[in-house]
Amino acid sequence: MQIINIHEAKTHLSRLLEQVAGGEEIVIAKAGKPVARLVPLEAAPKRRRLGLLKGKLTVPDDFDAPLTEDEQALFEGR
């Protein structure tokens, strides 16, 4: 992490932004005290498309039926 003063940040902003885009973090200081941090933005999450698998999957009628004793024992590790 690089620490630079405000004057240098104003003078070399384009270069600093390239460094940040490359993954670096830069701290900007005023009179030697950190006041801001330049960090790369996180990529925006992709929007999910609803209904993508519509008509491609089927759910059995007994999907939510209670488990048998044997199935319950296996599920619980008995």
Protein backbone atom coordinates (compact mmCIF):
# COMPACT_ATOMS: atom_id res chain seq x y z
CA MET A 1 0.00 0.00 0.00
CA GLN A 2 1.38 3.32 -1.12
CA ILE A 3 0.99 6.53 0.91
CA ILE A 4 1.13 9.80 -1.02
CA ASN A 5 0.39 13.44 -0.21
CA ILE A 6 -2.50 15.42 -1.66
CA HIS A 7 -0.33 17.50 -4.00
CA GLU A 8 1.18 14.38 -5.56
CA ALA A 9 -2.27 12.78 -5.86
CA LYS A 10 -3.61 15.84 -7.71
CA THR A 11 -0.58 15.95 -9.99
CA HIS A 12 -0.55 12.22 -10.86
CA LEU A 13 -4.22 11.24 -10.55
CA SER A 14 -4.36 9.42 -13.92
CA ARG A 15 -1.33 7.29 -13.07
CA LEU A 16 -2.68 6.53 -9.62
CA LEU A 17 -6.03 5.45 -11.05
CA GLU A 18 -4.23 3.04 -13.40
CA GLN A 19 -2.42 1.54 -10.41
CA VAL A 20 -5.68 1.20 -8.48
CA ALA A 21 -7.36 -0.42 -11.49
CA GLY A 22 -4.49 -2.94 -11.39
CA GLY A 23 -5.42 -3.93 -7.84
CA GLU A 24 -3.27 -1.62 -5.70
CA GLU A 25 -4.54 0.42 -2.77
CA ILE A 26 -3.28 3.97 -2.33
CA VAL A 27 -3.65 6.12 0.79
CA ILE A 28 -3.78 9.89 0.38
CA ALA A 29 -2.40 11.89 3.30
CA LYS A 30 -2.64 15.51 4.38
CA ALA A 31 0.25 16.77 6.51
CA GLY A 32 1.35 13.15 6.93
CA LYS A 33 -2.01 11.95 8.26
CA PRO A 34 -4.08 9.54 6.14
CA VAL A 35 -7.38 11.06 5.02
CA ALA A 36 -8.54 8.89 2.09
CA ARG A 37 -7.97 5.53 0.47
CA LEU A 38 -8.19 4.75 -3.26
CA VAL A 39 -9.32 1.18 -3.82
CA PRO A 40 -10.59 -0.68 -6.90
CA LEU A 41 -14.35 -0.99 -7.24
CA GLU A 42 -15.89 -4.42 -6.94
CA ALA A 43 -17.53 -5.68 -10.09
CA ALA A 44 -21.30 -5.24 -10.03
CA PRO A 45 -23.07 -8.57 -9.52
CA LYS A 46 -24.63 -9.98 -12.65
CA ARG A 47 -28.40 -9.79 -12.75
CA ARG A 48 -30.07 -13.16 -12.51
CA ARG A 49 -32.62 -14.01 -15.11
CA LEU A 50 -35.79 -15.42 -13.56
CA GLY A 51 -37.47 -18.41 -15.18
CA LEU A 52 -34.30 -19.67 -16.85
CA LEU A 53 -35.16 -23.34 -16.19
CA LYS A 54 -38.94 -23.04 -16.58
CA GLY A 55 -40.29 -26.22 -18.14
CA LYS A 56 -36.97 -28.07 -17.83
CA LEU A 57 -37.41 -29.44 -14.30
CA THR A 58 -40.18 -31.38 -12.64
CA VAL A 59 -40.91 -31.74 -8.95
CA PRO A 60 -42.39 -35.09 -7.87
CA ASP A 61 -45.77 -35.02 -6.11
CA ASP A 62 -44.28 -36.60 -2.97
CA PHE A 63 -41.41 -34.07 -2.75
CA ASP A 64 -42.39 -32.92 0.74
CA ALA A 65 -43.60 -36.28 2.04
CA PRO A 66 -42.21 -37.30 5.45
CA LEU A 67 -39.09 -39.48 5.41
CA THR A 68 -39.28 -43.14 6.38
CA GLU A 69 -37.62 -44.20 9.63
CA ASP A 70 -34.68 -45.70 7.66
CA GLU A 71 -34.22 -42.51 5.58
CA GLN A 72 -34.41 -40.35 8.71
CA ALA A 73 -31.78 -42.52 10.42
CA LEU A 74 -29.44 -42.19 7.40
CA PHE A 75 -30.01 -38.45 7.28
CA GLU A 76 -29.14 -38.10 10.98
CA GLY A 77 -26.12 -40.40 10.71
CA ARG A 78 -27.56 -43.18 12.86
